[in-house]
C-alpha atoms as a PDB file:
ATOM      1  CA  LEU A   1      -0.053  -0.014  -0.377  1.00  0.00           C
ATOM      2  CA  HIS A   2       1.081   3.560  -0.790  1.00  0.00           C
ATOM      3  CA  GLY A   3       2.770   5.056   2.355  1.00  0.00           C
ATOM      4  CA  PHE A   4       3.257   1.813   4.117  1.00  0.00           C
ATOM      5  CA  ARG A   5       6.894   1.412   3.517  1.00  0.00           C
ATOM      6  CA  ASP A   6       7.773   5.148   4.313  1.00  0.00           C
ATOM      7  CA  PHE A   7       5.574   5.017   7.707  1.00  0.00           C
ATOM      8  CA  PHE A   8       7.116   2.013   8.956  1.00  0.00           C
ATOM      9  CA  LYS A   9      10.713   2.975   8.001  1.00  0.00           C
ATOM     10  CA  LYS A  10      10.474   6.360   9.603  1.00  0.00           C
ATOM     11  CA  ALA A  11       8.532   4.813  12.646  1.00  0.00           C
ATOM     12  CA  ALA A  12      11.874   2.119  12.413  1.00  0.00           C
ATOM     13  CA  GLU A  13      13.941   4.708  12.201  1.00  0.00           C
ATOM     14  CA  GLU A  14      13.049   6.703  15.462  1.00  0.00           C
ATOM     15  CA  GLU A  15      12.974   3.829  17.457  1.00  0.00           C
ATOM     16  CA  THR A  16      16.548   3.349  17.269  1.00  0.00           C
ATOM     17  CA  GLU A  17      16.971   6.780  17.958  1.00  0.00           C
ATOM     18  CA  HIS A  18      15.293   6.470  20.973  1.00  0.00           C
ATOM     19  CA  ALA A  19      17.368   3.574  22.186  1.00  0.00           C
ATOM     20  CA  GLN A  20      20.337   5.290  21.616  1.00  0.00           C
ATOM     21  CA  MET A  21      19.537   8.016  23.138  1.00  0.00           C
ATOM     22  CA  PHE A  22      18.655   5.649  26.353  1.00  0.00           C
ATOM     23  CA  ILE A  23      22.232   4.020  26.196  1.00  0.00           C
ATOM     24  CA  ASP A  24      23.599   7.255  26.049  1.00  0.00           C
ATOM     25  CA  TYR A  25      22.073   8.427  28.980  1.00  0.00           C
ATOM     26  CA  ILE A  26      22.521   5.854  31.071  1.00  0.00           C
ATOM     27  CA  ASN A  27      26.107   5.704  29.626  1.00  0.00           C
ATOM     28  CA  LYS A  28      26.473   9.845  30.761  1.00  0.00           C
ATOM     29  CA  ARG A  29      24.995   8.597  34.596  1.00  0.00           C
ATOM     30  CA  GLY A  30      27.431   5.890  35.102  1.00  0.00           C
ATOM     31  CA  GLY A  31      25.431   3.003  34.658  1.00  0.00           C
ATOM     32  CA  ARG A  32      26.204  -0.218  32.327  1.00  0.00           C
ATOM     33  CA  VAL A  33      23.935  -1.239  29.419  1.00  0.00           C
ATOM     34  CA  THR A  34      23.582  -5.155  28.607  1.00  0.00           C
ATOM     35  CA  LEU A  35      21.604  -5.719  26.078  1.00  0.00           C
ATOM     36  CA  LYS A  36      19.568  -9.336  25.703  1.00  0.00           C
ATOM     37  CA  ALA A  37      18.507 -10.834  22.934  1.00  0.00           C
ATOM     38  CA  ILE A  38      14.731 -10.714  22.207  1.00  0.00           C
ATOM     39  CA  GLY A  39      12.456 -12.525  19.855  1.00  0.00           C
ATOM     40  CA  ALA A  40      12.167 -11.440  16.147  1.00  0.00           C
ATOM     41  CA  PRO A  41       8.911  -9.338  15.701  1.00  0.00           C
ATOM     42  CA  LYS A  42       5.971 -10.011  13.954  1.00  0.00           C
ATOM     43  CA  GLN A  43       6.475 -10.098   9.794  1.00  0.00           C
ATOM     44  CA  GLU A  44       3.277 -11.063   8.063  1.00  0.00           C
ATOM     45  CA  TRP A  45      -0.148  -9.476   8.572  1.00  0.00           C
ATOM     46  CA  ALA A  46      -3.354 -10.680   7.083  1.00  0.00           C
ATOM     47  CA  THR A  47      -4.618  -6.942   6.735  1.00  0.00           C
ATOM     48  CA  ALA A  48      -3.269  -3.085   6.657  1.00  0.00           C
ATOM     49  CA  LEU A  49      -5.440  -2.921   9.521  1.00  0.00           C
ATOM     50  CA  GLU A  50      -4.217  -5.443  11.387  1.00  0.00           C
ATOM     51  CA  ALA A  51      -0.297  -4.192  10.611  1.00  0.00           C
ATOM     52  CA  LEU A  52      -1.638  -0.617  11.917  1.00  0.00           C
ATOM     53  CA  GLU A  53      -3.556  -2.255  14.622  1.00  0.00           C
ATOM     54  CA  ASP A  54      -0.445  -4.013  16.122  1.00  0.00           C
ATOM     55  CA  ALA A  55       1.481  -1.039  15.893  1.00  0.00           C
ATOM     56  CA  LEU A  56      -0.218   1.588  17.628  1.00  0.00           C
ATOM     57  CA  ALA A  57      -0.329  -1.345  20.614  1.00  0.00           C
ATOM     58  CA  LEU A  58       3.383  -1.183  20.299  1.00  0.00           C
ATOM     59  CA  GLU A  59       2.955   2.466  20.551  1.00  0.00           C
ATOM     60  CA  LYS A  60       0.570   2.622  23.443  1.00  0.00           C
ATOM     61  CA  ASP A  61       2.411  -0.078  25.316  1.00  0.00           C
ATOM     62  CA  VAL A  62       6.019   1.639  25.044  1.00  0.00           C
ATOM     63  CA  ASN A  63       4.125   5.116  26.515  1.00  0.00           C
ATOM     64  CA  ALA A  64       3.030   2.865  29.428  1.00  0.00           C
ATOM     65  CA  LYS A  65       6.426   1.493  29.911  1.00  0.00           C
ATOM     66  CA  ILE A  66       7.718   4.934  29.464  1.00  0.00           C
ATOM     67  CA  LEU A  67       4.981   6.404  32.035  1.00  0.00           C
ATOM     68  CA  ALA A  68       5.879   3.188  34.406  1.00  0.00           C
ATOM     69  CA  MET A  69       9.394   5.044  34.783  1.00  0.00           C
ATOM     70  CA  HIS A  70       9.095   8.240  34.526  1.00  0.00           C
ATOM     71  CA  GLU A  71       6.914   7.047  37.912  1.00  0.00           C
ATOM     72  CA  VAL A  72       9.650   5.732  39.574  1.00  0.00           C
ATOM     73  CA  ALA A  73      12.072   8.374  39.222  1.00  0.00           C
ATOM     74  CA  ASP A  74       9.612  10.675  40.202  1.00  0.00           C
ATOM     75  CA  ASN A  75       9.101   8.628  43.439  1.00  0.00           C
ATOM     76  CA  ASP A  76      13.246   8.756  43.546  1.00  0.00           C
ATOM     77  CA  LYS A  77      13.127  12.512  43.004  1.00  0.00           C
ATOM     78  CA  ASP A  78      15.228  11.629  40.262  1.00  0.00           C
ATOM     79  CA  ALA A  79      14.783  14.981  38.581  1.00  0.00           C
ATOM     80  CA  GLN A  80      16.696  14.495  35.814  1.00  0.00           C
ATOM     81  CA  MET A  81      15.570  11.183  35.038  1.00  0.00           C
ATOM     82  CA  THR A  82      11.982  12.818  34.400  1.00  0.00           C
ATOM     83  CA  ASP A  83      13.244  15.263  32.905  1.00  0.00           C
ATOM     84  CA  PHE A  84      14.911  13.220  30.393  1.00  0.00           C
ATOM     85  CA  LEU A  85      11.525  11.196  29.964  1.00  0.00           C
ATOM     86  CA  GLU A  86       9.791  14.900  29.686  1.00  0.00           C
ATOM     87  CA  GLY A  87      11.680  16.244  27.423  1.00  0.00           C
ATOM     88  CA  ASN A  88      12.667  13.358  24.728  1.00  0.00           C
ATOM     89  CA  PHE A  89       9.927  10.810  24.745  1.00  0.00           C
ATOM     90  CA  LEU A  90       6.227  11.594  26.242  1.00  0.00           C
ATOM     91  CA  LYS A  91       5.182  14.067  23.995  1.00  0.00           C
ATOM     92  CA  GLU A  92       6.366  12.140  21.406  1.00  0.00           C
ATOM     93  CA  GLN A  93       4.291   9.322  21.960  1.00  0.00           C
ATOM     94  CA  VAL A  94       1.686  10.645  22.547  1.00  0.00           C
ATOM     95  CA  ASP A  95       2.698  12.249  18.999  1.00  0.00           C
ATOM     96  CA  ALA A  96       3.070   9.011  17.362  1.00  0.00           C
ATOM     97  CA  ILE A  97      -0.377   7.037  19.149  1.00  0.00           C
ATOM     98  CA  LYS A  98      -2.414   9.694  17.241  1.00  0.00           C
ATOM     99  CA  GLU A  99      -0.568   9.781  14.371  1.00  0.00           C
END
């Protein structure tokens, strides 16, 4: 379908950029990043609508996890972490869900 490749390519590039931002932030704060294997993503969908529904579900899941990290940081009075999440991810996640 017209535009699907570009939509999902852009989304994948943004998520790669976000992962690098988290890695850089953890390293900057003196942490150590340990990457673990993850399962392969789904690669076949019956319809275009199913692919978009899966993408939306993933964005909502990521948003929930960022909100959970924000809550932990807020409870621990970690203003730097809450600022990092707010400034880099929370608004963008809402925009992605709307898109």
